Amino acid sequence: MSLDELKEIIRNEIGVLLYFSGENCNVCHALRPKFKELFDKSFPLIRQIYIDAEKNPLIAAHFRVFSVPTILVFLDGREFIREGRAVSLYQFKDKLLRPYNIIQNS
């Protein structure tokens, strides 16, 4: 996926999760299935996109991702959440639940 395609997706979707990881990142590999499960169950309208930052350095640089894992959530085309490294799924869910429900019901 190109940077232009990614920008277009972010502009046109209700919500987008960008999960930046790396091939040699154990934390990335441990968190990814947990985030997938969380978003599949609690935020099904948010499109999930996984990006290997090492293989896509231009995309990572565009989004100012300098370490992995980095999780970005865009709502209505704007960056809403940015988290990295040690991420609490419960706190993440709490931050996103209210705005997600507002967007979902509008």
N, C-alpha and C. Protein backbone atom coordinates (compact mmCIF):
# COMPACT_ATOMS: atom_id res chain seq x y z
N MET A 1 0.84 -1.17 0.00
CA MET A 1 0.00 0.00 0.00
C MET A 1 0.90 1.24 0.00
N SER A 2 0.56 2.19 -0.84
CA SER A 2 1.35 3.42 -0.92
C SER A 2 0.87 4.43 0.12
N LEU A 3 1.68 5.44 0.33
CA LEU A 3 1.32 6.52 1.26
C LEU A 3 0.06 7.23 0.77
N ASP A 4 -0.04 7.48 -0.52
CA ASP A 4 -1.23 8.15 -1.06
C ASP A 4 -2.49 7.32 -0.86
N GLU A 5 -2.39 6.01 -1.05
CA GLU A 5 -3.53 5.13 -0.82
C GLU A 5 -3.94 5.16 0.65
N LEU A 6 -2.97 5.15 1.53
CA LEU A 6 -3.23 5.18 2.96
C LEU A 6 -3.91 6.49 3.36
N LYS A 7 -3.42 7.60 2.84
CA LYS A 7 -4.05 8.89 3.13
C LYS A 7 -5.50 8.91 2.66
N GLU A 8 -5.76 8.34 1.50
CA GLU A 8 -7.11 8.28 0.95
C GLU A 8 -8.03 7.44 1.85
N ILE A 9 -7.54 6.32 2.33
CA ILE A 9 -8.31 5.48 3.25
C ILE A 9 -8.65 6.26 4.51
N ILE A 10 -7.67 6.94 5.08
CA ILE A 10 -7.90 7.71 6.31
C ILE A 10 -8.94 8.80 6.08
N ARG A 11 -8.91 9.43 4.91
CA ARG A 11 -9.89 10.49 4.59
C ARG A 11 -11.30 9.94 4.43
N ASN A 12 -11.43 8.73 3.91
CA ASN A 12 -12.74 8.21 3.53
C ASN A 12 -13.40 7.26 4.52
N GLU A 13 -12.66 6.76 5.46
CA GLU A 13 -13.23 5.81 6.43
C GLU A 13 -13.69 6.56 7.69
N ILE A 14 -14.65 6.01 8.39
CA ILE A 14 -15.09 6.57 9.67
C ILE A 14 -13.94 6.57 10.66
N GLY A 15 -13.23 5.45 10.70
CA GLY A 15 -12.10 5.31 11.61
C GLY A 15 -11.06 4.36 11.04
N VAL A 16 -9.80 4.62 11.38
CA VAL A 16 -8.71 3.77 10.92
C VAL A 16 -7.72 3.58 12.06
N LEU A 17 -7.33 2.35 12.27
CA LEU A 17 -6.26 1.99 13.20
C LEU A 17 -5.02 1.69 12.36
N LEU A 18 -3.93 2.39 12.64
CA LEU A 18 -2.64 2.07 12.04
C LEU A 18 -1.79 1.47 13.13
N TYR A 19 -1.39 0.24 12.95
CA TYR A 19 -0.55 -0.47 13.92
C TYR A 19 0.81 -0.66 13.28
N PHE A 20 1.78 0.13 13.73
CA PHE A 20 3.14 0.05 13.21
C PHE A 20 3.93 -0.93 14.05
N SER A 21 4.54 -1.88 13.37
CA SER A 21 5.33 -2.89 14.07
C SER A 21 6.62 -3.14 13.31
N GLY A 22 7.39 -4.07 13.82
CA GLY A 22 8.63 -4.46 13.18
C GLY A 22 8.81 -5.96 13.26
N GLU A 23 9.53 -6.50 12.33
CA GLU A 23 9.72 -7.94 12.25
C GLU A 23 10.37 -8.52 13.50
N ASN A 24 11.30 -7.78 14.09
CA ASN A 24 12.04 -8.28 15.25
C ASN A 24 11.52 -7.72 16.58
N CYS A 25 10.32 -7.22 16.59
CA CYS A 25 9.74 -6.60 17.79
C CYS A 25 8.82 -7.61 18.49
N ASN A 26 9.29 -8.15 19.60
CA ASN A 26 8.48 -9.13 20.34
C ASN A 26 7.24 -8.50 20.95
N VAL A 27 7.37 -7.27 21.44
CA VAL A 27 6.21 -6.57 22.01
C VAL A 27 5.15 -6.39 20.94
N CYS A 28 5.57 -6.02 19.74
CA CYS A 28 4.64 -5.83 18.62
C CYS A 28 3.83 -7.09 18.35
N HIS A 29 4.54 -8.21 18.32
CA HIS A 29 3.89 -9.48 18.00
C HIS A 29 2.97 -9.94 19.13
N ALA A 30 3.30 -9.59 20.37
CA ALA A 30 2.44 -9.96 21.50
C ALA A 30 1.19 -9.09 21.56
N LEU A 31 1.32 -7.80 21.24
CA LEU A 31 0.17 -6.88 21.33
C LEU A 31 -0.79 -6.98 20.15
N ARG A 32 -0.25 -7.28 18.98
CA ARG A 32 -1.08 -7.24 17.77
C ARG A 32 -2.35 -8.08 17.87
N PRO A 33 -2.30 -9.34 18.27
CA PRO A 33 -3.55 -10.11 18.36
C PRO A 33 -4.52 -9.56 19.40
N LYS A 34 -3.98 -8.96 20.45
CA LYS A 34 -4.85 -8.37 21.47
C LYS A 34 -5.58 -7.15 20.92
N PHE A 35 -4.88 -6.33 20.15
CA PHE A 35 -5.53 -5.18 19.53
C PHE A 35 -6.54 -5.63 18.48
N LYS A 36 -6.20 -6.65 17.72
CA LYS A 36 -7.13 -7.16 16.71
C LYS A 36 -8.42 -7.63 17.38
N GLU A 37 -8.29 -8.38 18.45
CA GLU A 37 -9.47 -8.87 19.17
C GLU A 37 -10.29 -7.70 19.74
N LEU A 38 -9.61 -6.73 20.35
CA LEU A 38 -10.29 -5.56 20.91
C LEU A 38 -11.08 -4.82 19.84
N PHE A 39 -10.44 -4.56 18.70
CA PHE A 39 -11.11 -3.81 17.64
C PHE A 39 -12.19 -4.62 16.95
N ASP A 40 -11.97 -5.91 16.76
CA ASP A 40 -13.01 -6.76 16.16
C ASP A 40 -14.27 -6.76 17.01
N LYS A 41 -14.11 -6.81 18.33
CA LYS A 41 -15.26 -6.90 19.24
C LYS A 41 -15.87 -5.54 19.56
N SER A 42 -15.03 -4.56 19.89
CA SER A 42 -15.54 -3.30 20.43
C SER A 42 -15.63 -2.17 19.41
N PHE A 43 -14.84 -2.23 18.34
CA PHE A 43 -14.79 -1.13 17.38
C PHE A 43 -14.82 -1.67 15.94
N PRO A 44 -15.87 -2.41 15.58
CA PRO A 44 -15.88 -3.07 14.27
C PRO A 44 -15.92 -2.12 13.07
N LEU A 45 -16.31 -0.88 13.27
CA LEU A 45 -16.37 0.07 12.14
C LEU A 45 -15.01 0.69 11.84
N ILE A 46 -14.03 0.47 12.71
CA ILE A 46 -12.69 1.03 12.49
C ILE A 46 -11.87 0.03 11.69
N ARG A 47 -11.39 0.49 10.57
CA ARG A 47 -10.57 -0.34 9.69
C ARG A 47 -9.18 -0.52 10.31
N GLN A 48 -8.69 -1.75 10.33
CA GLN A 48 -7.40 -2.07 10.93
C GLN A 48 -6.35 -2.26 9.83
N ILE A 49 -5.26 -1.52 9.93
CA ILE A 49 -4.17 -1.64 8.97
C ILE A 49 -2.87 -1.84 9.74
N TYR A 50 -2.16 -2.89 9.38
CA TYR A 50 -0.90 -3.21 10.02
C TYR A 50 0.24 -2.87 9.07
N ILE A 51 1.23 -2.15 9.58
CA ILE A 51 2.33 -1.66 8.75
C ILE A 51 3.65 -2.05 9.39
N ASP A 52 4.50 -2.71 8.62
CA ASP A 52 5.85 -3.01 9.07
C ASP A 52 6.68 -1.75 8.84
N ALA A 53 7.04 -1.07 9.91
CA ALA A 53 7.76 0.20 9.81
C ALA A 53 9.13 0.04 9.16
N GLU A 54 9.74 -1.10 9.32
CA GLU A 54 11.06 -1.35 8.72
C GLU A 54 10.97 -1.48 7.20
N LYS A 55 9.89 -2.07 6.73
CA LYS A 55 9.71 -2.26 5.28
C LYS A 55 9.04 -1.06 4.62
N ASN A 56 8.46 -0.16 5.41
CA ASN A 56 7.77 1.01 4.89
C ASN A 56 8.26 2.28 5.59
N PRO A 57 9.54 2.59 5.46
CA PRO A 57 10.09 3.73 6.21
C PRO A 57 9.50 5.08 5.81
N LEU A 58 9.07 5.24 4.56
CA LEU A 58 8.47 6.52 4.15
C LEU A 58 7.12 6.73 4.82
N ILE A 59 6.35 5.67 4.93
CA ILE A 59 5.05 5.77 5.61
C ILE A 59 5.27 6.03 7.09
N ALA A 60 6.20 5.31 7.70
CA ALA A 60 6.49 5.52 9.12
C ALA A 60 6.96 6.95 9.37
N ALA A 61 7.83 7.46 8.53
CA ALA A 61 8.32 8.83 8.69
C ALA A 61 7.21 9.85 8.52
N HIS A 62 6.33 9.62 7.56
CA HIS A 62 5.22 10.56 7.33
C HIS A 62 4.35 10.70 8.60
N PHE A 63 4.13 9.58 9.27
CA PHE A 63 3.29 9.59 10.47
C PHE A 63 4.12 9.78 11.75
N ARG A 64 5.39 10.16 11.60
CA ARG A 64 6.29 10.43 12.72
C ARG A 64 6.37 9.24 13.69
N VAL A 65 6.56 8.07 13.11
CA VAL A 65 6.71 6.85 13.89
C VAL A 65 8.20 6.52 13.93
N PHE A 66 8.77 6.59 15.11
CA PHE A 66 10.20 6.38 15.26
C PHE A 66 10.53 5.17 16.12
N SER A 67 9.51 4.56 16.72
CA SER A 67 9.72 3.34 17.48
C SER A 67 8.47 2.47 17.31
N VAL A 68 8.64 1.20 17.57
CA VAL A 68 7.52 0.27 17.45
C VAL A 68 7.34 -0.50 18.74
N PRO A 69 6.15 -0.89 19.08
CA PRO A 69 4.93 -0.62 18.35
C PRO A 69 4.45 0.82 18.57
N THR A 70 3.84 1.36 17.55
CA THR A 70 3.13 2.63 17.64
C THR A 70 1.74 2.40 17.08
N ILE A 71 0.74 2.84 17.82
CA ILE A 71 -0.64 2.65 17.44
C ILE A 71 -1.28 4.02 17.24
N LEU A 72 -1.82 4.25 16.05
CA LEU A 72 -2.50 5.50 15.75
C LEU A 72 -3.94 5.18 15.41
N VAL A 73 -4.85 6.00 15.92
CA VAL A 73 -6.26 5.87 15.55
C VAL A 73 -6.71 7.20 14.98
N PHE A 74 -7.31 7.12 13.81
CA PHE A 74 -7.87 8.29 13.14
C PHE A 74 -9.38 8.17 13.15
N LEU A 75 -10.05 9.24 13.53
CA LEU A 75 -11.51 9.32 13.48
C LEU A 75 -11.87 10.51 12.61
N ASP A 76 -12.75 10.28 11.65
CA ASP A 76 -13.15 11.33 10.70
C ASP A 76 -11.94 12.02 10.07
N GLY A 77 -10.91 11.25 9.76
CA GLY A 77 -9.76 11.77 9.05
C GLY A 77 -8.71 12.46 9.90
N ARG A 78 -8.93 12.54 11.21
CA ARG A 78 -7.97 13.23 12.09
C ARG A 78 -7.39 12.26 13.10
N GLU A 79 -6.11 12.47 13.39
CA GLU A 79 -5.47 11.64 14.41
C GLU A 79 -6.11 11.92 15.76
N PHE A 80 -6.56 10.85 16.41
CA PHE A 80 -7.24 10.98 17.69
C PHE A 80 -6.42 10.39 18.83
N ILE A 81 -5.77 9.26 18.58
CA ILE A 81 -4.98 8.60 19.61
C ILE A 81 -3.63 8.20 19.02
N ARG A 82 -2.60 8.40 19.82
CA ARG A 82 -1.24 7.95 19.48
C ARG A 82 -0.66 7.32 20.73
N GLU A 83 -0.33 6.06 20.64
CA GLU A 83 0.27 5.33 21.77
C GLU A 83 1.46 4.54 21.26
N GLY A 84 2.40 4.32 22.15
CA GLY A 84 3.56 3.53 21.78
C GLY A 84 4.10 2.75 22.95
N ARG A 85 4.89 1.76 22.61
CA ARG A 85 5.56 0.90 23.58
C ARG A 85 4.59 0.21 24.52
N ALA A 86 4.61 0.56 25.79
CA ALA A 86 3.77 -0.09 26.79
C ALA A 86 2.38 0.51 26.74
N VAL A 87 1.46 -0.22 26.17
CA VAL A 87 0.10 0.26 25.96
C VAL A 87 -0.85 -0.55 26.82
N SER A 88 -1.71 0.13 27.57
CA SER A 88 -2.75 -0.55 28.32
C SER A 88 -3.99 -0.66 27.44
N LEU A 89 -4.39 -1.88 27.16
CA LEU A 89 -5.59 -2.08 26.33
C LEU A 89 -6.83 -1.47 26.98
N TYR A 90 -6.91 -1.58 28.30
CA TYR A 90 -8.09 -1.06 29.00
C TYR A 90 -8.16 0.47 28.90
N GLN A 91 -7.03 1.13 29.11
CA GLN A 91 -7.02 2.59 28.98
C GLN A 91 -7.27 3.01 27.53
N PHE A 92 -6.70 2.28 26.61
CA PHE A 92 -6.89 2.56 25.19
C PHE A 92 -8.37 2.47 24.84
N LYS A 93 -9.02 1.40 25.30
CA LYS A 93 -10.44 1.20 25.03
C LYS A 93 -11.26 2.33 25.64
N ASP A 94 -10.94 2.73 26.87
CA ASP A 94 -11.66 3.80 27.53
C ASP A 94 -11.55 5.13 26.77
N LYS A 95 -10.36 5.43 26.24
CA LYS A 95 -10.16 6.66 25.48
C LYS A 95 -11.00 6.70 24.21
N LEU A 96 -11.18 5.54 23.61
CA LEU A 96 -11.80 5.47 22.30
C LEU A 96 -13.31 5.23 22.35
N LEU A 97 -13.81 4.67 23.42
CA LEU A 97 -15.20 4.23 23.47
C LEU A 97 -16.21 5.35 23.26
N ARG A 98 -16.09 6.44 23.97
CA ARG A 98 -17.08 7.53 23.86
C ARG A 98 -17.08 8.17 22.47
N PRO A 99 -15.93 8.60 21.93
CA PRO A 99 -15.96 9.19 20.59
C PRO A 99 -16.40 8.18 19.52
N TYR A 100 -16.05 6.93 19.70
CA TYR A 100 -16.49 5.91 18.74
C TYR A 100 -18.02 5.81 18.74
N ASN A 101 -18.60 5.77 19.93
CA ASN A 101 -20.05 5.67 20.03
C ASN A 101 -20.74 6.90 19.42
N ILE A 102 -20.16 8.07 19.60
CA ILE A 102 -20.73 9.28 19.01
C ILE A 102 -20.71 9.20 17.48
N ILE A 103 -19.56 8.79 16.94
CA ILE A 103 -19.43 8.67 15.48
C ILE A 103 -20.33 7.58 14.94
N GLN A 104 -20.40 6.48 15.65
CA GLN A 104 -21.22 5.34 15.21
C GLN A 104 -22.70 5.72 15.16
N ASN A 105 -23.14 6.54 16.09
CA ASN A 105 -24.56 6.89 16.17
C ASN A 105 -24.93 8.13 15.37
N SER A 106 -23.95 8.74 14.70
CA SER A 106 -24.29 9.95 13.93
C SER A 106 -24.52 9.64 12.48
